[in-house]
C-alpha atoms as a PDB file:
ATOM      1  CA  MET A   1      11.454 -23.385  -4.923  1.00  0.00           C
ATOM      2  CA  THR A   2      13.500 -24.695  -7.810  1.00  0.00           C
ATOM      3  CA  ALA A   3      14.448 -22.460 -10.725  1.00  0.00           C
ATOM      4  CA  SER A   4      15.776 -23.782 -14.017  1.00  0.00           C
ATOM      5  CA  ASP A   5      18.635 -21.838 -15.570  1.00  0.00           C
ATOM      6  CA  ALA A   6      21.521 -22.234 -17.952  1.00  0.00           C
ATOM      7  CA  ALA A   7      24.283 -23.239 -15.530  1.00  0.00           C
ATOM      8  CA  PRO A   8      24.435 -26.145 -13.067  1.00  0.00           C
ATOM      9  CA  ASN A   9      23.766 -25.243  -9.444  1.00  0.00           C
ATOM     10  CA  VAL A  10      26.559 -25.395  -6.867  1.00  0.00           C
ATOM     11  CA  ALA A  11      25.595 -26.951  -3.535  1.00  0.00           C
ATOM     12  CA  GLY A  12      25.514 -24.557  -0.599  1.00  0.00           C
ATOM     13  CA  THR A  13      25.051 -21.443  -2.737  1.00  0.00           C
ATOM     14  CA  ASN A  14      22.216 -18.973  -2.155  1.00  0.00           C
ATOM     15  CA  ARG A  15      21.224 -18.159  -5.718  1.00  0.00           C
ATOM     16  CA  TRP A  16      18.482 -15.646  -4.930  1.00  0.00           C
ATOM     17  CA  VAL A  17      20.811 -12.641  -5.125  1.00  0.00           C
ATOM     18  CA  ASP A  18      21.391 -13.702  -8.758  1.00  0.00           C
ATOM     19  CA  VAL A  19      19.126 -11.720 -11.092  1.00  0.00           C
ATOM     20  CA  GLU A  20      18.995 -14.494 -13.680  1.00  0.00           C
ATOM     21  CA  HIS A  21      18.029 -17.063 -11.050  1.00  0.00           C
ATOM     22  CA  ALA A  22      15.147 -14.865  -9.873  1.00  0.00           C
ATOM     23  CA  ARG A  23      14.000 -14.279 -13.442  1.00  0.00           C
ATOM     24  CA  ALA A  24      14.171 -17.998 -14.242  1.00  0.00           C
ATOM     25  CA  TYR A  25      11.923 -18.756 -11.262  1.00  0.00           C
ATOM     26  CA  LEU A  26       9.369 -16.160 -12.304  1.00  0.00           C
ATOM     27  CA  THR A  27       9.385 -17.480 -15.871  1.00  0.00           C
ATOM     28  CA  ASN A  28       8.758 -21.065 -14.737  1.00  0.00           C
ATOM     29  CA  ARG A  29       6.557 -20.392 -11.702  1.00  0.00           C
ATOM     30  CA  ASP A  30       3.212 -20.944 -13.378  1.00  0.00           C
ATOM     31  CA  SER A  31       4.302 -24.332 -14.719  1.00  0.00           C
ATOM     32  CA  ILE A  32       4.843 -25.796 -11.225  1.00  0.00           C
ATOM     33  CA  PRO A  33       2.108 -28.435 -10.780  1.00  0.00           C
ATOM     34  CA  PHE A  34      -0.611 -27.619  -8.244  1.00  0.00           C
ATOM     35  CA  ARG A  35       1.005 -24.338  -7.205  1.00  0.00           C
ATOM     36  CA  ALA A  36      -2.150 -22.418  -8.129  1.00  0.00           C
ATOM     37  CA  GLU A  37      -4.215 -24.905  -6.120  1.00  0.00           C
ATOM     38  CA  GLY A  38      -2.094 -24.206  -3.054  1.00  0.00           C
ATOM     39  CA  MET A  39      -2.637 -20.469  -3.498  1.00  0.00           C
ATOM     40  CA  ALA A  40      -6.384 -21.043  -3.792  1.00  0.00           C
ATOM     41  CA  VAL A  41      -6.462 -23.037  -0.563  1.00  0.00           C
ATOM     42  CA  LEU A  42      -4.467 -20.307   1.195  1.00  0.00           C
ATOM     43  CA  ALA A  43      -7.095 -17.806   0.063  1.00  0.00           C
ATOM     44  CA  GLU A  44      -9.778 -19.873   1.825  1.00  0.00           C
ATOM     45  CA  PHE A  45      -8.072 -19.298   5.176  1.00  0.00           C
ATOM     46  CA  VAL A  46      -7.560 -15.531   4.914  1.00  0.00           C
ATOM     47  CA  PRO A  47      -9.492 -14.003   7.833  1.00  0.00           C
ATOM     48  CA  ALA A  48     -12.645 -12.030   7.121  1.00  0.00           C
ATOM     49  CA  GLU A  49     -11.150  -8.892   8.669  1.00  0.00           C
ATOM     50  CA  VAL A  50      -7.564  -7.918   7.866  1.00  0.00           C
ATOM     51  CA  GLY A  51      -6.322  -4.525   8.970  1.00  0.00           C
ATOM     52  CA  ARG A  52      -2.612  -5.138   8.375  1.00  0.00           C
ATOM     53  CA  VAL A  53      -0.850  -7.934   6.513  1.00  0.00           C
ATOM     54  CA  LEU A  54       2.834  -8.826   6.257  1.00  0.00           C
ATOM     55  CA  ASP A  55       4.173 -10.847   3.308  1.00  0.00           C
ATOM     56  CA  LEU A  56       7.536 -12.480   4.062  1.00  0.00           C
ATOM     57  CA  GLY A  57       9.656 -12.973   0.949  1.00  0.00           C
ATOM     58  CA  THR A  58       7.106 -11.323  -1.305  1.00  0.00           C
ATOM     59  CA  GLY A  59       8.991 -11.952  -4.548  1.00  0.00           C
ATOM     60  CA  ASP A  60       7.222  -9.977  -7.257  1.00  0.00           C
ATOM     61  CA  GLY A  61       4.239  -9.431  -4.946  1.00  0.00           C
ATOM     62  CA  ILE A  62       1.898 -12.058  -6.385  1.00  0.00           C
ATOM     63  CA  LEU A  63       0.652 -13.285  -2.984  1.00  0.00           C
ATOM     64  CA  MET A  64       0.259  -9.777  -1.581  1.00  0.00           C
ATOM     65  CA  GLU A  65      -1.792  -8.888  -4.649  1.00  0.00           C
ATOM     66  CA  LEU A  66      -4.064 -11.856  -3.940  1.00  0.00           C
ATOM     67  CA  ILE A  67      -4.550 -10.694  -0.345  1.00  0.00           C
ATOM     68  CA  ARG A  68      -5.235  -7.136  -1.505  1.00  0.00           C
ATOM     69  CA  ASP A  69      -7.861  -8.432  -3.954  1.00  0.00           C
ATOM     70  CA  LEU A  70      -9.537 -10.385  -1.150  1.00  0.00           C
ATOM     71  CA  ARG A  71      -9.255  -7.699   1.547  1.00  0.00           C
ATOM     72  CA  PRO A  72      -8.782  -4.367  -0.260  1.00  0.00           C
ATOM     73  CA  ALA A  73      -9.131  -2.256   2.873  1.00  0.00           C
ATOM     74  CA  GLY A  74      -6.074  -3.786   4.530  1.00  0.00           C
ATOM     75  CA  HIS A  75      -2.617  -2.209   4.666  1.00  0.00           C
ATOM     76  CA  GLY A  76       0.247  -4.402   3.456  1.00  0.00           C
ATOM     77  CA  VAL A  77       3.974  -4.637   4.119  1.00  0.00           C
ATOM     78  CA  ALA A  78       5.728  -6.718   1.449  1.00  0.00           C
ATOM     79  CA  CYS A  79       9.370  -7.559   2.126  1.00  0.00           C
ATOM     80  CA  ASP A  80      12.153  -9.234   0.170  1.00  0.00           C
ATOM     81  CA  PHE A  81      15.932  -8.984  -0.181  1.00  0.00           C
ATOM     82  CA  SER A  82      16.344  -9.608  -3.927  1.00  0.00           C
ATOM     83  CA  ASP A  83      16.821  -6.451  -5.974  1.00  0.00           C
ATOM     84  CA  GLU A  84      15.035  -8.078  -8.923  1.00  0.00           C
ATOM     85  CA  MET A  85      12.042  -9.085  -6.815  1.00  0.00           C
ATOM     86  CA  LEU A  86      11.865  -5.742  -5.009  1.00  0.00           C
ATOM     87  CA  GLY A  87      11.852  -3.927  -8.331  1.00  0.00           C
ATOM     88  CA  ARG A  88       9.027  -6.053  -9.690  1.00  0.00           C
ATOM     89  CA  ALA A  89       6.972  -5.796  -6.505  1.00  0.00           C
ATOM     90  CA  SER A  90       7.436  -2.014  -6.480  1.00  0.00           C
ATOM     91  CA  GLU A  91       6.141  -1.875 -10.057  1.00  0.00           C
ATOM     92  CA  ARG A  92       3.150  -4.064  -9.165  1.00  0.00           C
ATOM     93  CA  PHE A  93       2.109  -1.776  -6.302  1.00  0.00           C
ATOM     94  CA  ALA A  94       3.214   1.547  -7.763  1.00  0.00           C
ATOM     95  CA  ASP A  95      -0.369   2.825  -7.721  1.00  0.00           C
ATOM     96  CA  ASP A  96      -1.374   1.226  -4.422  1.00  0.00           C
ATOM     97  CA  ASP A  97      -0.799   3.534  -1.462  1.00  0.00           C
ATOM     98  CA  LEU A  98      -1.770   0.784   0.972  1.00  0.00           C
ATOM     99  CA  VAL A  99       1.222  -1.461   0.217  1.00  0.00           C
ATOM    100  CA  ASP A 100       4.764  -0.701   1.369  1.00  0.00           C
ATOM    101  CA  VAL A 101       7.501  -2.675  -0.389  1.00  0.00           C
ATOM    102  CA  VAL A 102      10.551  -2.899   1.876  1.00  0.00           C
ATOM    103  CA  ARG A 103      13.944  -4.591   1.902  1.00  0.00           C
ATOM    104  CA  GLN A 104      14.337  -7.337   4.505  1.00  0.00           C
ATOM    105  CA  ASP A 105      16.557 -10.410   4.570  1.00  0.00           C
ATOM    106  CA  LEU A 106      14.706 -13.241   6.326  1.00  0.00           C
ATOM    107  CA  ASP A 107      17.995 -14.223   7.961  1.00  0.00           C
ATOM    108  CA  ASP A 108      17.722 -10.969   9.939  1.00  0.00           C
ATOM    109  CA  PRO A 109      15.253 -10.326  12.798  1.00  0.00           C
ATOM    110  CA  LEU A 110      11.920  -8.826  11.780  1.00  0.00           C
ATOM    111  CA  PRO A 111      11.920  -5.142  12.773  1.00  0.00           C
ATOM    112  CA  THR A 112       9.731  -4.378  15.778  1.00  0.00           C
ATOM    113  CA  ALA A 113       9.121  -0.954  14.205  1.00  0.00           C
ATOM    114  CA  TRP A 114       6.796  -2.638  11.714  1.00  0.00           C
ATOM    115  CA  GLY A 115       4.267  -3.043  14.511  1.00  0.00           C
ATOM    116  CA  SER A 116       1.630  -5.769  14.687  1.00  0.00           C
ATOM    117  CA  PHE A 117      -0.334  -7.579  11.988  1.00  0.00           C
ATOM    118  CA  ASP A 118      -3.655  -9.384  11.696  1.00  0.00           C
ATOM    119  CA  LEU A 119      -2.230 -11.697   9.031  1.00  0.00           C
ATOM    120  CA  VAL A 120       1.276 -12.851   8.145  1.00  0.00           C
ATOM    121  CA  VAL A 121       1.707 -14.788   4.896  1.00  0.00           C
ATOM    122  CA  SER A 122       4.576 -16.270   2.946  1.00  0.00           C
ATOM    123  CA  SER A 123       4.857 -18.317  -0.224  1.00  0.00           C
ATOM    124  CA  PHE A 124       7.880 -20.469  -1.017  1.00  0.00           C
ATOM    125  CA  ALA A 125      10.425 -18.243   0.727  1.00  0.00           C
ATOM    126  CA  ILE A 126      11.146 -19.376   4.289  1.00  0.00           C
ATOM    127  CA  HIS A 127      12.699 -22.680   3.155  1.00  0.00           C
ATOM    128  CA  HIS A 128      15.739 -20.681   2.035  1.00  0.00           C
ATOM    129  CA  VAL A 129      16.836 -20.082   5.655  1.00  0.00           C
ATOM    130  CA  SER A 130      18.312 -22.619   8.061  1.00  0.00           C
ATOM    131  CA  ASP A 131      16.060 -24.723  10.265  1.00  0.00           C
ATOM    132  CA  ALA A 132      17.284 -22.846  13.348  1.00  0.00           C
ATOM    133  CA  ARG A 133      16.384 -19.562  11.708  1.00  0.00           C
ATOM    134  CA  LYS A 134      13.000 -20.935  10.578  1.00  0.00           C
ATOM    135  CA  ARG A 135      12.056 -21.660  14.167  1.00  0.00           C
ATOM    136  CA  THR A 136      13.288 -18.270  15.389  1.00  0.00           C
ATOM    137  CA  LEU A 137      11.461 -16.534  12.533  1.00  0.00           C
ATOM    138  CA  TYR A 138       8.239 -18.338  13.405  1.00  0.00           C
ATOM    139  CA  GLY A 139       8.636 -17.006  16.931  1.00  0.00           C
ATOM    140  CA  GLU A 140       9.067 -13.488  15.592  1.00  0.00           C
ATOM    141  CA  VAL A 141       5.939 -13.939  13.472  1.00  0.00           C
ATOM    142  CA  PHE A 142       4.023 -15.033  16.577  1.00  0.00           C
ATOM    143  CA  ASP A 143       5.237 -11.967  18.490  1.00  0.00           C
ATOM    144  CA  ARG A 144       4.153  -9.631  15.700  1.00  0.00           C
ATOM    145  CA  LEU A 145       0.697 -11.103  15.260  1.00  0.00           C
ATOM    146  CA  SER A 146      -2.183  -9.394  17.002  1.00  0.00           C
ATOM    147  CA  PRO A 147      -4.232 -11.663  19.315  1.00  0.00           C
ATOM    148  CA  GLY A 148      -6.359 -13.824  17.040  1.00  0.00           C
ATOM    149  CA  GLY A 149      -4.022 -13.159  14.123  1.00  0.00           C
ATOM    150  CA  THR A 150      -3.269 -15.801  11.488  1.00  0.00           C
ATOM    151  CA  PHE A 151      -0.052 -17.116   9.959  1.00  0.00           C
ATOM    152  CA  LEU A 152      -0.321 -18.833   6.558  1.00  0.00           C
ATOM    153  CA  ASN A 153       2.886 -20.261   5.107  1.00  0.00           C
ATOM    154  CA  LEU A 154       2.632 -21.871   1.665  1.00  0.00           C
ATOM    155  CA  GLU A 155       5.946 -23.638   1.739  1.00  0.00           C
ATOM    156  CA  HIS A 156       8.373 -25.986   0.039  1.00  0.00           C
ATOM    157  CA  VAL A 157       8.925 -28.787   2.570  1.00  0.00           C
ATOM    158  CA  ALA A 158      11.114 -31.872   2.821  1.00  0.00           C
ATOM    159  CA  SER A 159      10.086 -35.270   1.529  1.00  0.00           C
ATOM    160  CA  VAL A 160      10.383 -38.166   3.947  1.00  0.00           C
ATOM    161  CA  SER A 161      13.003 -39.902   1.788  1.00  0.00           C
ATOM    162  CA  PRO A 162      15.542 -39.094  -0.947  1.00  0.00           C
ATOM    163  CA  ALA A 163      13.552 -41.248  -3.356  1.00  0.00           C
ATOM    164  CA  LEU A 164      10.401 -39.161  -2.843  1.00  0.00           C
ATOM    165  CA  HIS A 165      12.441 -35.984  -3.243  1.00  0.00           C
ATOM    166  CA  ASP A 166      13.719 -37.240  -6.599  1.00  0.00           C
ATOM    167  CA  GLU A 167      10.129 -38.045  -7.579  1.00  0.00           C
ATOM    168  CA  PHE A 168       9.100 -34.498  -6.702  1.00  0.00           C
ATOM    169  CA  LEU A 169      11.889 -33.070  -8.844  1.00  0.00           C
ATOM    170  CA  ALA A 170      10.826 -35.284 -11.737  1.00  0.00           C
ATOM    171  CA  ALA A 171       7.214 -34.134 -11.303  1.00  0.00           C
ATOM    172  CA  ILE A 172       8.252 -30.499 -11.723  1.00  0.00           C
ATOM    173  CA  GLY A 173      10.650 -31.271 -14.575  1.00  0.00           C
ATOM    174  CA  VAL A 174      13.955 -30.754 -12.749  1.00  0.00           C
ATOM    175  CA  THR A 175      16.929 -33.091 -12.587  1.00  0.00           C
ATOM    176  CA  PRO A 176      18.804 -33.597  -9.284  1.00  0.00           C
ATOM    177  CA  GLU A 177      21.755 -31.734 -10.797  1.00  0.00           C
ATOM    178  CA  ARG A 178      19.521 -28.683 -11.304  1.00  0.00           C
ATOM    179  CA  ASP A 179      18.011 -28.759  -7.819  1.00  0.00           C
ATOM    180  CA  ASP A 180      18.123 -25.320  -6.200  1.00  0.00           C
ATOM    181  CA  PRO A 181      21.092 -25.240  -3.769  1.00  0.00           C
ATOM    182  CA  SER A 182      19.375 -22.433  -1.851  1.00  0.00           C
ATOM    183  CA  ASN A 183      16.760 -24.868  -0.519  1.00  0.00           C
ATOM    184  CA  GLN A 184      16.996 -25.867   3.148  1.00  0.00           C
ATOM    185  CA  LEU A 185      13.924 -28.035   3.447  1.00  0.00           C
ATOM    186  CA  ALA A 186      12.322 -29.121   6.721  1.00  0.00           C
ATOM    187  CA  PRO A 187       9.614 -31.773   7.235  1.00  0.00           C
ATOM    188  CA  VAL A 188       6.010 -30.726   7.804  1.00  0.00           C
ATOM    189  CA  ALA A 189       5.856 -32.506  11.173  1.00  0.00           C
ATOM    190  CA  ASP A 190       8.926 -30.677  12.487  1.00  0.00           C
ATOM    191  CA  GLN A 191       7.594 -27.283  11.448  1.00  0.00           C
ATOM    192  CA  LEU A 192       4.132 -27.864  12.924  1.00  0.00           C
ATOM    193  CA  GLY A 193       5.889 -28.968  16.116  1.00  0.00           C
ATOM    194  CA  TRP A 194       7.786 -25.670  16.210  1.00  0.00           C
ATOM    195  CA  PHE A 195       4.501 -23.806  15.764  1.00  0.00           C
ATOM    196  CA  ARG A 196       3.005 -25.591  18.778  1.00  0.00           C
ATOM    197  CA  GLU A 197       6.092 -25.071  20.932  1.00  0.00           C
ATOM    198  CA  ILE A 198       6.013 -21.341  20.180  1.00  0.00           C
ATOM    199  CA  GLY A 199       2.368 -21.100  21.235  1.00  0.00           C
ATOM    200  CA  PHE A 200       0.380 -21.081  18.006  1.00  0.00           C
ATOM    201  CA  ALA A 201      -3.153 -22.503  18.188  1.00  0.00           C
ATOM    202  CA  ASP A 202      -5.140 -24.293  15.467  1.00  0.00           C
ATOM    203  CA  VAL A 203      -1.856 -25.569  14.042  1.00  0.00           C
ATOM    204  CA  ASP A 204      -2.396 -27.628  10.913  1.00  0.00           C
ATOM    205  CA  CYS A 205      -1.250 -28.508   7.425  1.00  0.00           C
ATOM    206  CA  HIS A 206      -4.323 -27.469   5.436  1.00  0.00           C
ATOM    207  CA  TRP A 207      -3.055 -28.689   2.059  1.00  0.00           C
ATOM    208  CA  LYS A 208      -0.176 -30.721   0.642  1.00  0.00           C
ATOM    209  CA  TRP A 209       1.040 -31.994  -2.722  1.00  0.00           C
ATOM    210  CA  ARG A 210       4.380 -33.782  -2.531  1.00  0.00           C
ATOM    211  CA  GLU A 211       6.812 -31.085  -1.308  1.00  0.00           C
ATOM    212  CA  LEU A 212       4.345 -28.181  -1.401  1.00  0.00           C
ATOM    213  CA  ALA A 213       2.337 -27.557   1.750  1.00  0.00           C
ATOM    214  CA  LEU A 214       0.224 -24.924   3.480  1.00  0.00           C
ATOM    215  CA  LEU A 215       1.232 -24.639   7.148  1.00  0.00           C
ATOM    216  CA  ALA A 216      -0.950 -22.524   9.416  1.00  0.00           C
ATOM    217  CA  GLY A 217      -1.504 -21.350  12.962  1.00  0.00           C
ATOM    218  CA  THR A 218      -3.149 -18.557  14.916  1.00  0.00           C
ATOM    219  CA  ARG A 219      -2.077 -16.490  17.885  1.00  0.00           C
ATOM    220  CA  PRO A 220      -4.535 -17.038  20.779  1.00  0.00           C
END
């Protein structure tokens, strides 16, 4: 997602190792239009039974906390690579023995040692990796899902034209000069196509507002 901060962004730079960039996002997160609606729709598709859940790019753990509230018996693995985000997530789950907060760069393969999961979720994180890595990561998610498991990715996606992208930025109060250079956005249709090629079933976009979308699939 886009974070507003004091200095102009430099194209091609991954800003998420920058503490101030992470803090600016967290400060402005709740003001992003319809973001809460997207989270609410994601909650509708959380399976009734969740033994283990993986949150990719957990940030401060807000999505994992939602899953824990919905399915309190499940065990969670929440991963991120930002020191700021890992610190905040660790604080959020300091008294929750069923959530492990771990360091993981989404550019790196998901560890097989984590085992399998009934649910894999992500919110506004995977668009920071290249399209080639997105597709490979989706394959790794598929491999780590238990049969019948669900993948729910609330994601920042590409508009179909530069004009619509500029309209999206205006809608969230960001100028093109302040657009997050970390974003590597891919169209919804391309990503759902990758899901199908990998083998996901029930592939769909359950919700969309401009460049925010909920992409989903299950492992047969």
